[in-house]
Amino acid sequence: MKTLDGVTAGTYLVQTSSGSRYRLDLTAREAIREAQVTEPALGDVSVPLRRDGEVLMLEAVVACTVGEDLVVVLGKVDTYAGYLATTRYGTTVVSITEVTA
């Protein structure tokens, strides 16, 4: 699969050039990031981020196309008053795989 543009349902594993993997569940509107599950490519390095491994609300997939940077909007990352969402910028998407089972 080359892109998630226009896709509104299903679960996908998105591998980035830093070696991080995102599990994006478009049906349940959830996202999970795992830091460096593979060796980095293109000189990118994966660094631990707050809330790695936790299920976060997936507000929007702004950009998710092989060969381009990943951009998603995540909700409720922090609990302080007035906070709504954060935009997470990932490294270049190297693969998108649909999870079928």
PDB file of N, CA and C in Angstrom:
ATOM      1  N   MET A   1       0.855  -1.173   0.000  1.00  0.00           N
ATOM      2  CA  MET A   1       0.000   0.000   0.000  1.00  0.00           C
ATOM      3  C   MET A   1       0.902   1.238   0.000  1.00  0.00           C
ATOM      4  N   LYS A   2       0.523   2.243  -0.753  1.00  0.00           N
ATOM      5  CA  LYS A   2       1.363   3.430  -0.917  1.00  0.00           C
ATOM      6  C   LYS A   2       0.927   4.630  -0.082  1.00  0.00           C
ATOM      7  N   THR A   3      -0.362   4.724   0.253  1.00  0.00           N
ATOM      8  CA  THR A   3      -0.847   5.900   0.973  1.00  0.00           C
ATOM      9  C   THR A   3      -2.103   5.567   1.775  1.00  0.00           C
ATOM     10  N   LEU A   4      -2.350   6.368   2.796  1.00  0.00           N
ATOM     11  CA  LEU A   4      -3.611   6.284   3.533  1.00  0.00           C
ATOM     12  C   LEU A   4      -4.534   7.444   3.165  1.00  0.00           C
ATOM     13  N   ASP A   5      -4.150   8.232   2.171  1.00  0.00           N
ATOM     14  CA  ASP A   5      -5.007   9.325   1.704  1.00  0.00           C
ATOM     15  C   ASP A   5      -6.355   8.763   1.267  1.00  0.00           C
ATOM     16  N   GLY A   6      -7.431   9.287   1.817  1.00  0.00           N
ATOM     17  CA  GLY A   6      -8.769   8.862   1.456  1.00  0.00           C
ATOM     18  C   GLY A   6      -9.246   7.596   2.147  1.00  0.00           C
ATOM     19  N   VAL A   7      -8.381   6.944   2.922  1.00  0.00           N
ATOM     20  CA  VAL A   7      -8.757   5.722   3.633  1.00  0.00           C
ATOM     21  C   VAL A   7      -9.389   6.118   4.964  1.00  0.00           C
ATOM     22  N   THR A   8     -10.533   5.529   5.300  1.00  0.00           N
ATOM     23  CA  THR A   8     -11.244   5.925   6.517  1.00  0.00           C
ATOM     24  C   THR A   8     -11.457   4.790   7.507  1.00  0.00           C
ATOM     25  N   ALA A   9     -11.113   3.552   7.132  1.00  0.00           N
ATOM     26  CA  ALA A   9     -11.323   2.420   8.034  1.00  0.00           C
ATOM     27  C   ALA A   9     -10.184   1.422   7.886  1.00  0.00           C
ATOM     28  N   GLY A  10     -10.035   0.583   8.913  1.00  0.00           N
ATOM     29  CA  GLY A  10      -9.002  -0.443   8.900  1.00  0.00           C
ATOM     30  C   GLY A  10      -7.861  -0.097   9.837  1.00  0.00           C
ATOM     31  N   THR A  11      -6.974  -1.080  10.024  1.00  0.00           N
ATOM     32  CA  THR A  11      -5.806  -0.909  10.887  1.00  0.00           C
ATOM     33  C   THR A  11      -4.556  -1.110  10.047  1.00  0.00           C
ATOM     34  N   TYR A  12      -3.567  -0.233  10.246  1.00  0.00           N
ATOM     35  CA  TYR A  12      -2.372  -0.231   9.411  1.00  0.00           C
ATOM     36  C   TYR A  12      -1.121  -0.071  10.262  1.00  0.00           C
ATOM     37  N   LEU A  13      -0.052  -0.784   9.883  1.00  0.00           N
ATOM     38  CA  LEU A  13       1.263  -0.589  10.482  1.00  0.00           C
ATOM     39  C   LEU A  13       2.049   0.302   9.538  1.00  0.00           C
ATOM     40  N   VAL A  14       2.503   1.426  10.063  1.00  0.00           N
ATOM     41  CA  VAL A  14       3.245   2.400   9.268  1.00  0.00           C
ATOM     42  C   VAL A  14       4.674   2.427   9.789  1.00  0.00           C
ATOM     43  N   GLN A  15       5.618   1.991   8.957  1.00  0.00           N
ATOM     44  CA  GLN A  15       7.037   1.962   9.313  1.00  0.00           C
ATOM     45  C   GLN A  15       7.692   3.237   8.799  1.00  0.00           C
ATOM     46  N   THR A  16       8.473   3.896   9.656  1.00  0.00           N
ATOM     47  CA  THR A  16       9.158   5.125   9.239  1.00  0.00           C
ATOM     48  C   THR A  16      10.660   4.902   9.149  1.00  0.00           C
ATOM     49  N   SER A  17      11.336   5.827   8.501  1.00  0.00           N
ATOM     50  CA  SER A  17      12.772   5.683   8.263  1.00  0.00           C
ATOM     51  C   SER A  17      13.607   5.734   9.531  1.00  0.00           C
ATOM     52  N   SER A  18      13.045   6.225  10.634  1.00  0.00           N
ATOM     53  CA  SER A  18      13.784   6.239  11.905  1.00  0.00           C
ATOM     54  C   SER A  18      13.781   4.869  12.567  1.00  0.00           C
ATOM     55  N   GLY A  19      12.979   3.945  12.035  1.00  0.00           N
ATOM     56  CA  GLY A  19      12.839   2.626  12.636  1.00  0.00           C
ATOM     57  C   GLY A  19      11.622   2.516  13.523  1.00  0.00           C
ATOM     58  N   SER A  20      10.916   3.623  13.726  1.00  0.00           N
ATOM     59  CA  SER A  20       9.694   3.600  14.536  1.00  0.00           C
ATOM     60  C   SER A  20       8.542   3.026  13.725  1.00  0.00           C
ATOM     61  N   ARG A  21       7.590   2.448  14.447  1.00  0.00           N
ATOM     62  CA  ARG A  21       6.401   1.909  13.797  1.00  0.00           C
ATOM     63  C   ARG A  21       5.165   2.475  14.490  1.00  0.00           C
ATOM     64  N   TYR A  22       4.222   2.887  13.681  1.00  0.00           N
ATOM     65  CA  TYR A  22       2.946   3.391  14.179  1.00  0.00           C
ATOM     66  C   TYR A  22       1.853   2.397  13.797  1.00  0.00           C
ATOM     67  N   ARG A  23       1.017   2.057  14.758  1.00  0.00           N
ATOM     68  CA  ARG A  23      -0.183   1.259  14.480  1.00  0.00           C
ATOM     69  C   ARG A  23      -1.342   2.247  14.477  1.00  0.00           C
ATOM     70  N   LEU A  24      -1.912   2.456  13.305  1.00  0.00           N
ATOM     71  CA  LEU A  24      -3.006   3.409  13.142  1.00  0.00           C
ATOM     72  C   LEU A  24      -4.296   2.641  12.893  1.00  0.00           C
ATOM     73  N   ASP A  25      -5.217   2.735  13.831  1.00  0.00           N
ATOM     74  CA  ASP A  25      -6.531   2.107  13.695  1.00  0.00           C
ATOM     75  C   ASP A  25      -7.510   3.206  13.302  1.00  0.00           C
ATOM     76  N   LEU A  26      -7.817   3.266  12.022  1.00  0.00           N
ATOM     77  CA  LEU A  26      -8.675   4.333  11.511  1.00  0.00           C
ATOM     78  C   LEU A  26     -10.130   4.128  11.902  1.00  0.00           C
ATOM     79  N   THR A  27     -10.534   2.882  12.135  1.00  0.00           N
ATOM     80  CA  THR A  27     -11.910   2.594  12.536  1.00  0.00           C
ATOM     81  C   THR A  27     -12.158   3.031  13.973  1.00  0.00           C
ATOM     82  N   ALA A  28     -11.254   2.639  14.882  1.00  0.00           N
ATOM     83  CA  ALA A  28     -11.389   2.988  16.308  1.00  0.00           C
ATOM     84  C   ALA A  28     -10.826   4.365  16.619  1.00  0.00           C
ATOM     85  N   ARG A  29     -10.129   4.978  15.638  1.00  0.00           N
ATOM     86  CA  ARG A  29      -9.495   6.294  15.808  1.00  0.00           C
ATOM     87  C   ARG A  29      -8.446   6.256  16.920  1.00  0.00           C
ATOM     88  N   GLU A  30      -7.541   5.270  16.843  1.00  0.00           N
ATOM     89  CA  GLU A  30      -6.477   5.100  17.833  1.00  0.00           C
ATOM     90  C   GLU A  30      -5.120   4.985  17.151  1.00  0.00           C
ATOM     91  N   ALA A  31      -4.076   5.416  17.879  1.00  0.00           N
ATOM     92  CA  ALA A  31      -2.705   5.328  17.381  1.00  0.00           C
ATOM     93  C   ALA A  31      -1.787   4.859  18.502  1.00  0.00           C
ATOM     94  N   ILE A  32      -0.828   4.003  18.136  1.00  0.00           N
ATOM     95  CA  ILE A  32       0.211   3.555  19.066  1.00  0.00           C
ATOM     96  C   ILE A  32       1.541   3.684  18.341  1.00  0.00           C
ATOM     97  N   ARG A  33       2.540   4.269  19.001  1.00  0.00           N
ATOM     98  CA  ARG A  33       3.883   4.386  18.429  1.00  0.00           C
ATOM     99  C   ARG A  33       4.840   3.500  19.199  1.00  0.00           C
ATOM    100  N   GLU A  34       5.634   2.732  18.464  1.00  0.00           N
ATOM    101  CA  GLU A  34       6.707   1.935  19.043  1.00  0.00           C
ATOM    102  C   GLU A  34       8.023   2.496  18.512  1.00  0.00           C
ATOM    103  N   ALA A  35       8.923   2.860  19.412  1.00  0.00           N
ATOM    104  CA  ALA A  35      10.201   3.449  18.998  1.00  0.00           C
ATOM    105  C   ALA A  35      11.152   2.372  18.494  1.00  0.00           C
ATOM    106  N   GLN A  36      11.821   2.656  17.428  1.00  0.00           N
ATOM    107  CA  GLN A  36      12.870   1.861  16.795  1.00  0.00           C
ATOM    108  C   GLN A  36      12.675   0.357  16.899  1.00  0.00           C
ATOM    109  N   VAL A  37      11.731  -0.146  16.124  1.00  0.00           N
ATOM    110  CA  VAL A  37      11.516  -1.585  16.042  1.00  0.00           C
ATOM    111  C   VAL A  37      12.343  -2.206  14.923  1.00  0.00           C
ATOM    112  N   THR A  38      12.888  -1.372  14.031  1.00  0.00           N
ATOM    113  CA  THR A  38      13.803  -1.825  12.986  1.00  0.00           C
ATOM    114  C   THR A  38      14.991  -0.871  12.944  1.00  0.00           C
ATOM    115  N   GLU A  39      16.015  -1.249  12.211  1.00  0.00           N
ATOM    116  CA  GLU A  39      17.176  -0.375  12.058  1.00  0.00           C
ATOM    117  C   GLU A  39      16.778   0.880  11.282  1.00  0.00           C
ATOM    118  N   PRO A  40      17.280   2.033  11.712  1.00  0.00           N
ATOM    119  CA  PRO A  40      16.968   3.274  10.998  1.00  0.00           C
ATOM    120  C   PRO A  40      17.519   3.260   9.571  1.00  0.00           C
ATOM    121  N   ALA A  41      16.824   3.938   8.682  1.00  0.00           N
ATOM    122  CA  ALA A  41      17.268   4.107   7.300  1.00  0.00           C
ATOM    123  C   ALA A  41      17.510   5.591   7.054  1.00  0.00           C
ATOM    124  N   LEU A  42      18.240   5.895   6.037  1.00  0.00           N
ATOM    125  CA  LEU A  42      18.450   7.281   5.607  1.00  0.00           C
ATOM    126  C   LEU A  42      19.095   8.164   6.670  1.00  0.00           C
ATOM    127  N   GLY A  43      19.764   7.572   7.654  1.00  0.00           N
ATOM    128  CA  GLY A  43      20.439   8.361   8.678  1.00  0.00           C
ATOM    129  C   GLY A  43      19.533   8.916   9.750  1.00  0.00           C
ATOM    130  N   ASP A  44      18.241   8.590   9.703  1.00  0.00           N
ATOM    131  CA  ASP A  44      17.308   9.050  10.731  1.00  0.00           C
ATOM    132  C   ASP A  44      17.487   8.220  11.992  1.00  0.00           C
ATOM    133  N   VAL A  45      17.226   8.813  13.127  1.00  0.00           N
ATOM    134  CA  VAL A  45      17.356   8.119  14.403  1.00  0.00           C
ATOM    135  C   VAL A  45      16.046   8.231  15.168  1.00  0.00           C
ATOM    136  N   SER A  46      15.609   7.114  15.736  1.00  0.00           N
ATOM    137  CA  SER A  46      14.400   7.108  16.552  1.00  0.00           C
ATOM    138  C   SER A  46      14.755   7.482  17.978  1.00  0.00           C
ATOM    139  N   VAL A  47      13.977   8.360  18.555  1.00  0.00           N
ATOM    140  CA  VAL A  47      14.177   8.734  19.956  1.00  0.00           C
ATOM    141  C   VAL A  47      12.893   8.430  20.717  1.00  0.00           C
ATOM    142  N   PRO A  48      13.020   8.067  21.994  1.00  0.00           N
ATOM    143  CA  PRO A  48      11.813   7.807  22.778  1.00  0.00           C
ATOM    144  C   PRO A  48      10.972   9.077  22.910  1.00  0.00           C
ATOM    145  N   LEU A  49       9.669   8.913  22.768  1.00  0.00           N
ATOM    146  CA  LEU A  49       8.739  10.019  22.942  1.00  0.00           C
ATOM    147  C   LEU A  49       7.800   9.700  24.092  1.00  0.00           C
ATOM    148  N   ARG A  50       7.361  10.748  24.742  1.00  0.00           N
ATOM    149  CA  ARG A  50       6.381  10.603  25.802  1.00  0.00           C
ATOM    150  C   ARG A  50       5.176   9.844  25.259  1.00  0.00           C
ATOM    151  N   ARG A  51       4.697   8.890  26.002  1.00  0.00           N
ATOM    152  CA  ARG A  51       3.510   8.099  25.680  1.00  0.00           C
ATOM    153  C   ARG A  51       3.744   7.039  24.614  1.00  0.00           C
ATOM    154  N   ASP A  52       5.022   6.706  24.295  1.00  0.00           N
ATOM    155  CA  ASP A  52       5.293   5.581  23.403  1.00  0.00           C
ATOM    156  C   ASP A  52       4.635   4.329  23.969  1.00  0.00           C
ATOM    157  N   GLY A  53       4.049   3.525  23.108  1.00  0.00           N
ATOM    158  CA  GLY A  53       3.428   2.279  23.517  1.00  0.00           C
ATOM    159  C   GLY A  53       2.027   2.417  24.077  1.00  0.00           C
ATOM    160  N   GLU A  54       1.579   3.640  24.288  1.00  0.00           N
ATOM    161  CA  GLU A  54       0.235   3.869  24.825  1.00  0.00           C
ATOM    162  C   GLU A  54      -0.753   4.138  23.692  1.00  0.00           C
ATOM    163  N   VAL A  55      -1.987   3.745  23.911  1.00  0.00           N
ATOM    164  CA  VAL A  55      -3.045   4.022  22.941  1.00  0.00           C
ATOM    165  C   VAL A  55      -3.452   5.489  23.077  1.00  0.00           C
ATOM    166  N   LEU A  56      -3.362   6.218  21.964  1.00  0.00           N
ATOM    167  CA  LEU A  56      -3.740   7.631  21.934  1.00  0.00           C
ATOM    168  C   LEU A  56      -4.880   7.832  20.940  1.00  0.00           C
ATOM    169  N   MET A  57      -5.663   8.858  21.159  1.00  0.00           N
ATOM    170  CA  MET A  57      -6.750   9.189  20.252  1.00  0.00           C
ATOM    171  C   MET A  57      -6.165   9.725  18.944  1.00  0.00           C
ATOM    172  N   LEU A  58      -6.578   9.137  17.835  1.00  0.00           N
ATOM    173  CA  LEU A  58      -6.141   9.577  16.514  1.00  0.00           C
ATOM    174  C   LEU A  58      -7.182  10.543  15.962  1.00  0.00           C
ATOM    175  N   GLU A  59      -6.861  11.825  16.020  1.00  0.00           N
ATOM    176  CA  GLU A  59      -7.787  12.856  15.545  1.00  0.00           C
ATOM    177  C   GLU A  59      -7.793  12.947  14.021  1.00  0.00           C
ATOM    178  N   ALA A  60      -6.596  12.838  13.403  1.00  0.00           N
ATOM    179  CA  ALA A  60      -6.514  12.962  11.947  1.00  0.00           C
ATOM    180  C   ALA A  60      -5.197  12.403  11.433  1.00  0.00           C
ATOM    181  N   VAL A  61      -5.257  11.848  10.228  1.00  0.00           N
ATOM    182  CA  VAL A  61      -4.049  11.492   9.486  1.00  0.00           C
ATOM    183  C   VAL A  61      -3.893  12.586   8.434  1.00  0.00           C
ATOM    184  N   VAL A  62      -2.940  13.467   8.656  1.00  0.00           N
ATOM    185  CA  VAL A  62      -2.731  14.602   7.751  1.00  0.00           C
ATOM    186  C   VAL A  62      -1.954  14.162   6.518  1.00  0.00           C
ATOM    187  N   ALA A  63      -0.902  13.358   6.735  1.00  0.00           N
ATOM    188  CA  ALA A  63      -0.076  12.865   5.635  1.00  0.00           C
ATOM    189  C   ALA A  63       0.481  11.500   5.997  1.00  0.00           C
ATOM    190  N   CYS A  64       0.247  10.525   5.128  1.00  0.00           N
ATOM    191  CA  CYS A  64       0.801   9.185   5.327  1.00  0.00           C
ATOM    192  C   CYS A  64       0.939   8.524   3.964  1.00  0.00           C
ATOM    193  N   THR A  65       2.061   8.826   3.308  1.00  0.00           N
ATOM    194  CA  THR A  65       2.353   8.322   1.975  1.00  0.00           C
ATOM    195  C   THR A  65       3.802   7.857   1.945  1.00  0.00           C
ATOM    196  N   VAL A  66       4.045   6.679   1.374  1.00  0.00           N
ATOM    197  CA  VAL A  66       5.408   6.172   1.265  1.00  0.00           C
ATOM    198  C   VAL A  66       6.264   7.203   0.534  1.00  0.00           C
ATOM    199  N   GLY A  67       7.424   7.508   1.122  1.00  0.00           N
ATOM    200  CA  GLY A  67       8.346   8.478   0.547  1.00  0.00           C
ATOM    201  C   GLY A  67       8.177   9.887   1.081  1.00  0.00           C
ATOM    202  N   GLU A  68       7.143  10.100   1.905  1.00  0.00           N
ATOM    203  CA  GLU A  68       6.892  11.416   2.498  1.00  0.00           C
ATOM    204  C   GLU A  68       6.864  11.305   4.014  1.00  0.00           C
ATOM    205  N   ASP A  69       7.015  12.438   4.700  1.00  0.00           N
ATOM    206  CA  ASP A  69       6.977  12.442   6.162  1.00  0.00           C
ATOM    207  C   ASP A  69       5.571  12.141   6.671  1.00  0.00           C
ATOM    208  N   LEU A  70       5.503  11.436   7.797  1.00  0.00           N
ATOM    209  CA  LEU A  70       4.238  11.129   8.457  1.00  0.00           C
ATOM    210  C   LEU A  70       3.799  12.324   9.291  1.00  0.00           C
ATOM    211  N   VAL A  71       2.526  12.686   9.192  1.00  0.00           N
ATOM    212  CA  VAL A  71       1.962  13.753  10.025  1.00  0.00           C
ATOM    213  C   VAL A  71       0.592  13.283  10.512  1.00  0.00           C
ATOM    214  N   VAL A  72       0.439  13.209  11.846  1.00  0.00           N
ATOM    215  CA  VAL A  72      -0.839  12.824  12.447  1.00  0.00           C
ATOM    216  C   VAL A  72      -1.187  13.809  13.554  1.00  0.00           C
ATOM    217  N   VAL A  73      -2.469  13.930  13.842  1.00  0.00           N
ATOM    218  CA  VAL A  73      -2.933  14.753  14.954  1.00  0.00           C
ATOM    219  C   VAL A  73      -3.448  13.804  16.028  1.00  0.00           C
ATOM    220  N   LEU A  74      -2.868  13.919  17.233  1.00  0.00           N
ATOM    221  CA  LEU A  74      -3.209  13.052  18.356  1.00  0.00           C
ATOM    222  C   LEU A  74      -3.913  13.859  19.428  1.00  0.00           C
ATOM    223  N   GLY A  75      -4.962  13.307  19.988  1.00  0.00           N
ATOM    224  CA  GLY A  75      -5.715  13.993  21.027  1.00  0.00           C
ATOM    225  C   GLY A  75      -5.415  13.456  22.406  1.00  0.00           C
ATOM    226  N   LYS A  76      -5.637  14.298  23.393  1.00  0.00           N
ATOM    227  CA  LYS A  76      -5.521  13.952  24.809  1.00  0.00           C
ATOM    228  C   LYS A  76      -4.169  13.349  25.190  1.00  0.00           C
ATOM    229  N   VAL A  77      -3.090  13.952  24.691  1.00  0.00           N
ATOM    230  CA  VAL A  77      -1.747  13.509  25.062  1.00  0.00           C
ATOM    231  C   VAL A  77      -1.404  13.993  26.464  1.00  0.00           C
ATOM    232  N   ASP A  78      -1.884  15.158  26.826  1.00  0.00           N
ATOM    233  CA  ASP A  78      -1.701  15.711  28.174  1.00  0.00           C
ATOM    234  C   ASP A  78      -3.070  15.960  28.786  1.00  0.00           C
ATOM    235  N   THR A  79      -3.088  16.125  30.096  1.00  0.00           N
ATOM    236  CA  THR A  79      -4.374  16.272  30.777  1.00  0.00           C
ATOM    237  C   THR A  79      -4.617  17.666  31.331  1.00  0.00           C
ATOM    238  N   TYR A  80      -3.683  18.608  31.124  1.00  0.00           N
ATOM    239  CA  TYR A  80      -3.905  19.920  31.717  1.00  0.00           C
ATOM    240  C   TYR A  80      -5.018  20.675  31.002  1.00  0.00           C
ATOM    241  N   ALA A  81      -5.640  21.580  31.700  1.00  0.00           N
ATOM    242  CA  ALA A  81      -6.828  22.295  31.221  1.00  0.00           C
ATOM    243  C   ALA A  81      -6.571  23.016  29.903  1.00  0.00           C
ATOM    244  N   GLY A  82      -7.511  22.917  29.013  1.00  0.00           N
ATOM    245  CA  GLY A  82      -7.437  23.635  27.751  1.00  0.00           C
ATOM    246  C   GLY A  82      -6.696  22.909  26.649  1.00  0.00           C
ATOM    247  N   TYR A  83      -6.070  21.784  26.945  1.00  0.00           N
ATOM    248  CA  TYR A  83      -5.307  21.056  25.940  1.00  0.00           C
ATOM    249  C   TYR A  83      -6.241  20.203  25.087  1.00  0.00           C
ATOM    250  N   LEU A  84      -6.140  20.297  23.781  1.00  0.00           N
ATOM    251  CA  LEU A  84      -7.008  19.526  22.898  1.00  0.00           C
ATOM    252  C   LEU A  84      -6.271  18.446  22.120  1.00  0.00           C
ATOM    253  N   ALA A  85      -5.170  18.798  21.462  1.00  0.00           N
ATOM    254  CA  ALA A  85      -4.475  17.848  20.593  1.00  0.00           C
ATOM    255  C   ALA A  85      -3.060  18.335  20.311  1.00  0.00           C
ATOM    256  N   THR A  86      -2.272  17.441  19.722  1.00  0.00           N
ATOM    257  CA  THR A  86      -0.931  17.804  19.285  1.00  0.00           C
ATOM    258  C   THR A  86      -0.700  17.227  17.899  1.00  0.00           C
ATOM    259  N   THR A  87       0.088  17.920  17.099  1.00  0.00           N
ATOM    260  CA  THR A  87       0.460  17.409  15.787  1.00  0.00           C
ATOM    261  C   THR A  87       1.805  16.720  15.919  1.00  0.00           C
ATOM    262  N   ARG A  88       1.851  15.456  15.524  1.00  0.00           N
ATOM    263  CA  ARG A  88       3.101  14.696  15.585  1.00  0.00           C
ATOM    264  C   ARG A  88       3.645  14.547  14.176  1.00  0.00           C
ATOM    265  N   TYR A  89       4.894  14.973  14.015  1.00  0.00           N
ATOM    266  CA  TYR A  89       5.590  14.854  12.736  1.00  0.00           C
ATOM    267  C   TYR A  89       6.553  13.687  12.835  1.00  0.00           C
ATOM    268  N   GLY A  90       6.409  12.707  11.956  1.00  0.00           N
ATOM    269  CA  GLY A  90       7.304  11.559  11.930  1.00  0.00           C
ATOM    270  C   GLY A  90       8.256  11.661  10.754  1.00  0.00           C
ATOM    271  N   THR A  91       9.208  10.753  10.729  1.00  0.00           N
ATOM    272  CA  THR A  91      10.155  10.718   9.615  1.00  0.00           C
ATOM    273  C   THR A  91       9.481  10.093   8.391  1.00  0.00           C
ATOM    274  N   THR A  92      10.238   9.909   7.342  1.00  0.00           N
ATOM    275  CA  THR A  92       9.723   9.418   6.069  1.00  0.00           C
ATOM    276  C   THR A  92       9.071   8.041   6.218  1.00  0.00           C
ATOM    277  N   VAL A  93       7.889   7.896   5.650  1.00  0.00           N
ATOM    278  CA  VAL A  93       7.189   6.610   5.648  1.00  0.00           C
ATOM    279  C   VAL A  93       7.885   5.685   4.652  1.00  0.00           C
ATOM    280  N   VAL A  94       8.279   4.484   5.122  1.00  0.00           N
ATOM    281  CA  VAL A  94       8.927   3.522   4.226  1.00  0.00           C
ATOM    282  C   VAL A  94       7.993   2.385   3.828  1.00  0.00           C
ATOM    283  N   SER A  95       6.965   2.112   4.642  1.00  0.00           N
ATOM    284  CA  SER A  95       5.981   1.094   4.260  1.00  0.00           C
ATOM    285  C   SER A  95       4.686   1.285   5.033  1.00  0.00           C
ATOM    286  N   ILE A  96       3.605   0.836   4.413  1.00  0.00           N
ATOM    287  CA  ILE A  96       2.281   0.822   5.032  1.00  0.00           C
ATOM    288  C   ILE A  96       1.707  -0.568   4.787  1.00  0.00           C
ATOM    289  N   THR A  97       1.373  -1.270   5.872  1.00  0.00           N
ATOM    290  CA  THR A  97       0.853  -2.630   5.764  1.00  0.00           C
ATOM    291  C   THR A  97      -0.481  -2.723   6.481  1.00  0.00           C
ATOM    292  N   GLU A  98      -1.486  -3.243   5.799  1.00  0.00           N
ATOM    293  CA  GLU A  98      -2.784  -3.423   6.439  1.00  0.00           C
ATOM    294  C   GLU A  98      -2.738  -4.627   7.372  1.00  0.00           C
ATOM    295  N   VAL A  99      -3.307  -4.466   8.565  1.00  0.00           N
ATOM    296  CA  VAL A  99      -3.426  -5.559   9.528  1.00  0.00           C
ATOM    297  C   VAL A  99      -4.759  -6.233   9.251  1.00  0.00           C
ATOM    298  N   THR A 100      -4.720  -7.516   8.908  1.00  0.00           N
ATOM    299  CA  THR A 100      -5.947  -8.198   8.501  1.00  0.00           C
ATOM    300  C   THR A 100      -6.526  -9.108   9.573  1.00  0.00           C
ATOM    301  N   ALA A 101      -5.756  -9.442  10.581  1.00  0.00           N
ATOM    302  CA  ALA A 101      -6.299 -10.328  11.631  1.00  0.00           C
ATOM    303  C   ALA A 101      -5.804  -9.918  12.990  1.00  0.00           C
TER     304      ALA A 101
END
